[in-house]
C-alpha atoms as a PDB file:
ATOM      1  CA  UNK A   1      82.859  91.005 110.467  1.00  0.00           C
ATOM      2  CA  UNK A   2      85.653  92.845 108.649  1.00  0.00           C
ATOM      3  CA  UNK A   3      89.284  92.296 109.631  1.00  0.00           C
ATOM      4  CA  UNK A   4      92.719  93.810 109.012  1.00  0.00           C
ATOM      5  CA  UNK A   5      95.132  91.417 107.294  1.00  0.00           C
ATOM      6  CA  UNK A   6      98.884  91.690 106.791  1.00  0.00           C
ATOM      7  CA  UNK A   7     100.410  89.390 104.187  1.00  0.00           C
ATOM      8  CA  UNK A   8     104.165  89.814 104.112  1.00  0.00           C
ATOM      9  CA  UNK A   9     107.105  88.178 102.418  1.00  0.00           C
ATOM     10  CA  UNK A  10     110.524  88.717 100.906  1.00  0.00           C
ATOM     11  CA  UNK A  11     110.973  90.340  97.492  1.00  0.00           C
ATOM     12  CA  UNK A  12     109.683  88.183  94.674  1.00  0.00           C
ATOM     13  CA  UNK A  13     107.283  86.058  96.715  1.00  0.00           C
ATOM     14  CA  UNK A  14     104.277  87.231  94.695  1.00  0.00           C
ATOM     15  CA  UNK A  15     102.704  89.803  97.012  1.00  0.00           C
ATOM     16  CA  UNK A  16     101.456  92.060  94.208  1.00  0.00           C
ATOM     17  CA  UNK A  17     100.390  89.070  92.124  1.00  0.00           C
ATOM     18  CA  UNK A  18      98.313  87.759  95.016  1.00  0.00           C
ATOM     19  CA  UNK A  19      96.787  91.221  95.539  1.00  0.00           C
ATOM     20  CA  UNK A  20      95.760  91.306  91.875  1.00  0.00           C
ATOM     21  CA  UNK A  21      94.282  87.802  92.193  1.00  0.00           C
ATOM     22  CA  UNK A  22      92.238  88.848  95.219  1.00  0.00           C
ATOM     23  CA  UNK A  23      90.999  91.949  93.344  1.00  0.00           C
ATOM     24  CA  UNK A  24      90.047  89.757  90.376  1.00  0.00           C
ATOM     25  CA  UNK A  25      88.170  87.307  92.612  1.00  0.00           C
ATOM     26  CA  UNK A  26      86.125  90.091  94.233  1.00  0.00           C
ATOM     27  CA  UNK A  27      85.312  91.742  90.912  1.00  0.00           C
ATOM     28  CA  UNK A  28      84.474  88.453  89.202  1.00  0.00           C
ATOM     29  CA  UNK A  29      81.732  88.068  91.808  1.00  0.00           C
ATOM     30  CA  UNK A  30      80.397  91.568  91.150  1.00  0.00           C
ATOM     31  CA  UNK A  31      81.987  93.120  94.244  1.00  0.00           C
ATOM     32  CA  UNK A  32      83.959  96.376  94.377  1.00  0.00           C
ATOM     33  CA  UNK A  33      87.549  96.824  95.536  1.00  0.00           C
ATOM     34  CA  UNK A  34      89.714  99.850  96.165  1.00  0.00           C
ATOM     35  CA  UNK A  35      93.393  99.263  95.356  1.00  0.00           C
ATOM     36  CA  UNK A  36      95.937 101.686  96.813  1.00  0.00           C
ATOM     37  CA  UNK A  37      99.708 101.963  97.184  1.00  0.00           C
ATOM     38  CA  UNK A  38     102.265 104.312  98.667  1.00  0.00           C
ATOM     39  CA  UNK A  39     103.633 107.138  96.522  1.00  0.00           C
ATOM     40  CA  UNK A  40     107.029 106.140  97.942  1.00  0.00           C
ATOM     41  CA  UNK A  41     106.981 103.303  95.400  1.00  0.00           C
ATOM     42  CA  UNK A  42     107.813 105.424  92.352  1.00  0.00           C
ATOM     43  CA  UNK A  43     108.766 102.605  89.978  1.00  0.00           C
ATOM     44  CA  UNK A  44     105.519 102.391  88.053  1.00  0.00           C
ATOM     45  CA  UNK A  45     103.604 105.561  88.858  1.00  0.00           C
ATOM     46  CA  UNK A  46     100.008 104.700  89.757  1.00  0.00           C
ATOM     47  CA  UNK A  47     100.257 101.161  88.383  1.00  0.00           C
ATOM     48  CA  UNK A  48     100.815  97.884  90.138  1.00  0.00           C
ATOM     49  CA  UNK A  49     103.054  95.672  88.019  1.00  0.00           C
ATOM     50  CA  UNK A  50     104.080  92.081  88.599  1.00  0.00           C
ATOM     51  CA  UNK A  51     107.251  90.395  87.442  1.00  0.00           C
ATOM     52  CA  UNK A  52     105.209  87.925  85.387  1.00  0.00           C
ATOM     53  CA  UNK A  53     103.009  90.396  83.546  1.00  0.00           C
ATOM     54  CA  UNK A  54      99.637  91.276  85.094  1.00  0.00           C
ATOM     55  CA  UNK A  55      99.166  94.917  86.016  1.00  0.00           C
ATOM     56  CA  UNK A  56      96.482  97.286  87.265  1.00  0.00           C
ATOM     57  CA  UNK A  57      95.928 100.988  87.909  1.00  0.00           C
ATOM     58  CA  UNK A  58      95.441 101.879  91.547  1.00  0.00           C
ATOM     59  CA  UNK A  59      92.407 103.816  92.698  1.00  0.00           C
ATOM     60  CA  UNK A  60      94.813 106.213  94.389  1.00  0.00           C
ATOM     61  CA  UNK A  61      98.293 106.524  95.819  1.00  0.00           C
ATOM     62  CA  UNK A  62      98.974 107.994  99.241  1.00  0.00           C
ATOM     63  CA  UNK A  63     101.775 109.983 100.828  1.00  0.00           C
ATOM     64  CA  UNK A  64     102.813 109.860 104.461  1.00  0.00           C
ATOM     65  CA  UNK A  65     100.719 112.981 105.156  1.00  0.00           C
ATOM     66  CA  UNK A  66      97.443 111.564 103.782  1.00  0.00           C
ATOM     67  CA  UNK A  67      94.597 110.499 106.047  1.00  0.00           C
ATOM     68  CA  UNK A  68      93.528 107.214 104.469  1.00  0.00           C
ATOM     69  CA  UNK A  69      90.434 106.869 106.654  1.00  0.00           C
ATOM     70  CA  UNK A  70      89.098 110.252 105.491  1.00  0.00           C
ATOM     71  CA  UNK A  71      89.808 109.474 101.842  1.00  0.00           C
ATOM     72  CA  UNK A  72      88.102 106.072 101.988  1.00  0.00           C
ATOM     73  CA  UNK A  73      85.117 107.293 104.019  1.00  0.00           C
ATOM     74  CA  UNK A  74      84.501 110.173 101.574  1.00  0.00           C
ATOM     75  CA  UNK A  75      85.116 108.423  98.252  1.00  0.00           C
ATOM     76  CA  UNK A  76      85.179 104.639  98.660  1.00  0.00           C
ATOM     77  CA  UNK A  77      82.871 103.708 101.549  1.00  0.00           C
ATOM     78  CA  UNK A  78      80.778 101.572  99.162  1.00  0.00           C
ATOM     79  CA  UNK A  79      83.587  99.104  98.354  1.00  0.00           C
ATOM     80  CA  UNK A  80      83.692  95.536  99.584  1.00  0.00           C
ATOM     81  CA  UNK A  81      87.445  95.367 100.238  1.00  0.00           C
ATOM     82  CA  UNK A  82      90.496  97.659 100.447  1.00  0.00           C
ATOM     83  CA  UNK A  83      93.752  96.234  99.056  1.00  0.00           C
ATOM     84  CA  UNK A  84      97.035  97.949 100.005  1.00  0.00           C
ATOM     85  CA  UNK A  85     100.300  97.280  98.152  1.00  0.00           C
ATOM     86  CA  UNK A  86     103.729  98.268  99.531  1.00  0.00           C
ATOM     87  CA  UNK A  87     102.166  98.445 103.001  1.00  0.00           C
ATOM     88  CA  UNK A  88     105.568  98.727 104.682  1.00  0.00           C
ATOM     89  CA  UNK A  89     105.534 102.403 103.622  1.00  0.00           C
ATOM     90  CA  UNK A  90     102.427 103.202 105.682  1.00  0.00           C
ATOM     91  CA  UNK A  91     102.948 105.351 108.759  1.00  0.00           C
ATOM     92  CA  UNK A  92     101.857 103.895 112.116  1.00  0.00           C
ATOM     93  CA  UNK A  93      99.048 106.466 112.135  1.00  0.00           C
ATOM     94  CA  UNK A  94      97.872 105.275 108.702  1.00  0.00           C
ATOM     95  CA  UNK A  95      97.784 101.684 109.941  1.00  0.00           C
ATOM     96  CA  UNK A  96      95.580 102.913 112.782  1.00  0.00           C
ATOM     97  CA  UNK A  97      93.402 104.596 110.141  1.00  0.00           C
ATOM     98  CA  UNK A  98      93.105 101.270 108.302  1.00  0.00           C
ATOM     99  CA  UNK A  99      91.901  99.694 111.544  1.00  0.00           C
ATOM    100  CA  UNK A 100      89.317 102.491 111.793  1.00  0.00           C
ATOM    101  CA  UNK A 101      88.114 101.557 108.293  1.00  0.00           C
ATOM    102  CA  UNK A 102      87.726  97.952 109.410  1.00  0.00           C
ATOM    103  CA  UNK A 103      85.883  98.825 112.622  1.00  0.00           C
ATOM    104  CA  UNK A 104      83.833 101.894 111.679  1.00  0.00           C
ATOM    105  CA  UNK A 105      83.094 101.192 108.009  1.00  0.00           C
ATOM    106  CA  UNK A 106      83.080  97.368 108.290  1.00  0.00           C
ATOM    107  CA  UNK A 107      85.316  97.005 105.214  1.00  0.00           C
ATOM    108  CA  UNK A 108      88.030  94.319 105.213  1.00  0.00           C
ATOM    109  CA  UNK A 109      91.533  95.661 104.541  1.00  0.00           C
ATOM    110  CA  UNK A 110      94.246  93.379 103.145  1.00  0.00           C
ATOM    111  CA  UNK A 111      97.790  94.770 103.233  1.00  0.00           C
ATOM    112  CA  UNK A 112     100.742  93.344 101.310  1.00  0.00           C
ATOM    113  CA  UNK A 113     104.327  94.320 102.015  1.00  0.00           C
ATOM    114  CA  UNK A 114     107.762  93.633 103.379  1.00  0.00           C
ATOM    115  CA  UNK A 115     108.279  92.853 107.058  1.00  0.00           C
ATOM    116  CA  UNK A 116     111.960  93.845 107.241  1.00  0.00           C
ATOM    117  CA  UNK A 117     114.192  96.240 105.347  1.00  0.00           C
ATOM    118  CA  UNK A 118     117.451  95.230 103.644  1.00  0.00           C
ATOM    119  CA  UNK A 119     119.337  95.757 106.934  1.00  0.00           C
ATOM    120  CA  UNK A 120     117.239  92.964 108.482  1.00  0.00           C
ATOM    121  CA  UNK A 121     115.450  95.245 110.926  1.00  0.00           C
ATOM    122  CA  UNK A 122     112.134  97.050 110.996  1.00  0.00           C
ATOM    123  CA  UNK A 123     113.455 100.551 111.701  1.00  0.00           C
ATOM    124  CA  UNK A 124     112.763 101.658 108.138  1.00  0.00           C
ATOM    125  CA  UNK A 125     109.335 100.074 107.925  1.00  0.00           C
ATOM    126  CA  UNK A 126     107.187 101.489 110.710  1.00  0.00           C
ATOM    127  CA  UNK A 127     104.077 100.497 108.762  1.00  0.00           C
ATOM    128  CA  UNK A 128     105.057  96.835 108.806  1.00  0.00           C
ATOM    129  CA  UNK A 129     105.836  96.988 112.518  1.00  0.00           C
ATOM    130  CA  UNK A 130     102.451  98.549 113.283  1.00  0.00           C
ATOM    131  CA  UNK A 131     100.663  96.011 111.086  1.00  0.00           C
ATOM    132  CA  UNK A 132     102.369  93.182 112.974  1.00  0.00           C
ATOM    133  CA  UNK A 133     101.077  94.759 116.199  1.00  0.00           C
ATOM    134  CA  UNK A 134      97.469  95.382 115.079  1.00  0.00           C
ATOM    135  CA  UNK A 135      96.452  93.030 112.275  1.00  0.00           C
ATOM    136  CA  UNK A 136      93.806  90.440 113.045  1.00  0.00           C
ATOM    137  CA  UNK A 137      95.497  87.965 110.714  1.00  0.00           C
ATOM    138  CA  UNK A 138      99.161  87.794 109.697  1.00  0.00           C
ATOM    139  CA  UNK A 139     100.341  85.519 106.906  1.00  0.00           C
ATOM    140  CA  UNK A 140     103.800  84.921 105.494  1.00  0.00           C
ATOM    141  CA  UNK A 141     104.019  84.528 101.721  1.00  0.00           C
ATOM    142  CA  UNK A 142     106.958  82.302 100.916  1.00  0.00           C
ATOM    143  CA  UNK A 143     109.596  82.224  98.218  1.00  0.00           C
ATOM    144  CA  UNK A 144     112.911  80.460  97.776  1.00  0.00           C
ATOM    145  CA  UNK A 145     116.526  81.503  97.712  1.00  0.00           C
ATOM    146  CA  UNK A 146     118.871  80.702  94.839  1.00  0.00           C
ATOM    147  CA  UNK A 147     120.114  77.743  96.926  1.00  0.00           C
ATOM    148  CA  UNK A 148     116.594  76.295  97.319  1.00  0.00           C
ATOM    149  CA  UNK A 149     116.099  77.200 100.989  1.00  0.00           C
ATOM    150  CA  UNK A 150     113.229  79.401 102.167  1.00  0.00           C
ATOM    151  CA  UNK A 151     114.098  83.059 101.493  1.00  0.00           C
ATOM    152  CA  UNK A 152     113.144  85.394 104.321  1.00  0.00           C
ATOM    153  CA  UNK A 153     115.366  88.404 103.611  1.00  0.00           C
ATOM    154  CA  UNK A 154     115.092  91.122 100.971  1.00  0.00           C
ATOM    155  CA  UNK A 155     118.693  92.164 100.454  1.00  0.00           C
ATOM    156  CA  UNK A 156     120.112  95.108  98.554  1.00  0.00           C
ATOM    157  CA  UNK A 157     122.903  94.632  96.050  1.00  0.00           C
ATOM    158  CA  UNK A 158     124.936  97.507  94.652  1.00  0.00           C
ATOM    159  CA  UNK A 159     126.847  96.516  91.516  1.00  0.00           C
ATOM    160  CA  UNK A 160     126.217  92.868  92.509  1.00  0.00           C
ATOM    161  CA  UNK A 161     127.715  93.253  96.000  1.00  0.00           C
ATOM    162  CA  UNK A 162     125.624  92.794  99.155  1.00  0.00           C
ATOM    163  CA  UNK A 163     124.965  96.109 100.936  1.00  0.00           C
ATOM    164  CA  UNK A 164     123.949  96.149 104.597  1.00  0.00           C
ATOM    165  CA  UNK A 165     123.844  99.893 105.244  1.00  0.00           C
ATOM    166  CA  UNK A 166     122.514 103.021 103.563  1.00  0.00           C
ATOM    167  CA  UNK A 167     119.231 104.863 103.046  1.00  0.00           C
ATOM    168  CA  UNK A 168     115.986 102.954 103.455  1.00  0.00           C
ATOM    169  CA  UNK A 169     114.910 103.659  99.889  1.00  0.00           C
ATOM    170  CA  UNK A 170     117.337 103.525  97.000  1.00  0.00           C
ATOM    171  CA  UNK A 171     116.192 103.317  93.391  1.00  0.00           C
ATOM    172  CA  UNK A 172     118.456 102.652  90.412  1.00  0.00           C
ATOM    173  CA  UNK A 173     120.195 105.928  89.524  1.00  0.00           C
ATOM    174  CA  UNK A 174     121.548 104.898  86.118  1.00  0.00           C
ATOM    175  CA  UNK A 175     125.154 105.063  87.378  1.00  0.00           C
ATOM    176  CA  UNK A 176     125.110 102.053  89.660  1.00  0.00           C
ATOM    177  CA  UNK A 177     123.262  98.770  89.357  1.00  0.00           C
ATOM    178  CA  UNK A 178     120.928  98.564  92.333  1.00  0.00           C
ATOM    179  CA  UNK A 179     118.931  95.395  92.831  1.00  0.00           C
ATOM    180  CA  UNK A 180     117.045  93.624  95.590  1.00  0.00           C
ATOM    181  CA  UNK A 181     117.002  89.853  95.941  1.00  0.00           C
ATOM    182  CA  UNK A 182     115.254  87.417  98.223  1.00  0.00           C
ATOM    183  CA  UNK A 183     117.805  85.253 100.004  1.00  0.00           C
ATOM    184  CA  UNK A 184     117.977  82.886 102.971  1.00  0.00           C
ATOM    185  CA  UNK A 185     119.988  83.480 106.140  1.00  0.00           C
ATOM    186  CA  UNK A 186     122.595  80.884 105.065  1.00  0.00           C
ATOM    187  CA  UNK A 187     123.335  82.779 101.852  1.00  0.00           C
ATOM    188  CA  UNK A 188     123.317  86.111 103.685  1.00  0.00           C
ATOM    189  CA  UNK A 189     126.126  85.037 106.042  1.00  0.00           C
ATOM    190  CA  UNK A 190     128.035  83.349 103.225  1.00  0.00           C
ATOM    191  CA  UNK A 191     127.953  86.548 101.142  1.00  0.00           C
ATOM    192  CA  UNK A 192     129.011  88.657 104.153  1.00  0.00           C
ATOM    193  CA  UNK A 193     131.974  86.360 104.798  1.00  0.00           C
ATOM    194  CA  UNK A 194     133.015  86.446 101.138  1.00  0.00           C
ATOM    195  CA  UNK A 195     133.053  90.252 101.181  1.00  0.00           C
END
């Protein structure tokens, strides 16, 4: 019986790397996968890239207006698994469509993404919130902070200073250095106090 999975973690915990490993495992056994990601993630076009090297073209990217169930049922209903990267950018309706894929097409769907935004809330990531509500299985992928503690936050830094407000999505503009780092709660409060 197919299920909907949500595997989440802070930046740098290896979400995309694990997705690529799962795709490899399916294909090594002669099974078919469909790999998709949100168009919101503009960094690498249609490619999934990892920090340590492996990469892969997606089967397609989706916008917030796309009906993922219709697209899968028309073009990919013969696959053995759907893998979704940057799942936090799904709309709640698209998460419901993924559940339809699981139930009506009997295809497992494994989603990888962030649980919280850089402000430490889920207001910017409705997809993650809906996945936490609906997924059959939820798994945290872990990484560590610079101090060695478990990192649970994906924080935004602007010119190396912690930023706790601003737009949900902010990509490097060439004028300012924008980065995201996985940190623990201890480091978060320490950085806030220092600023």
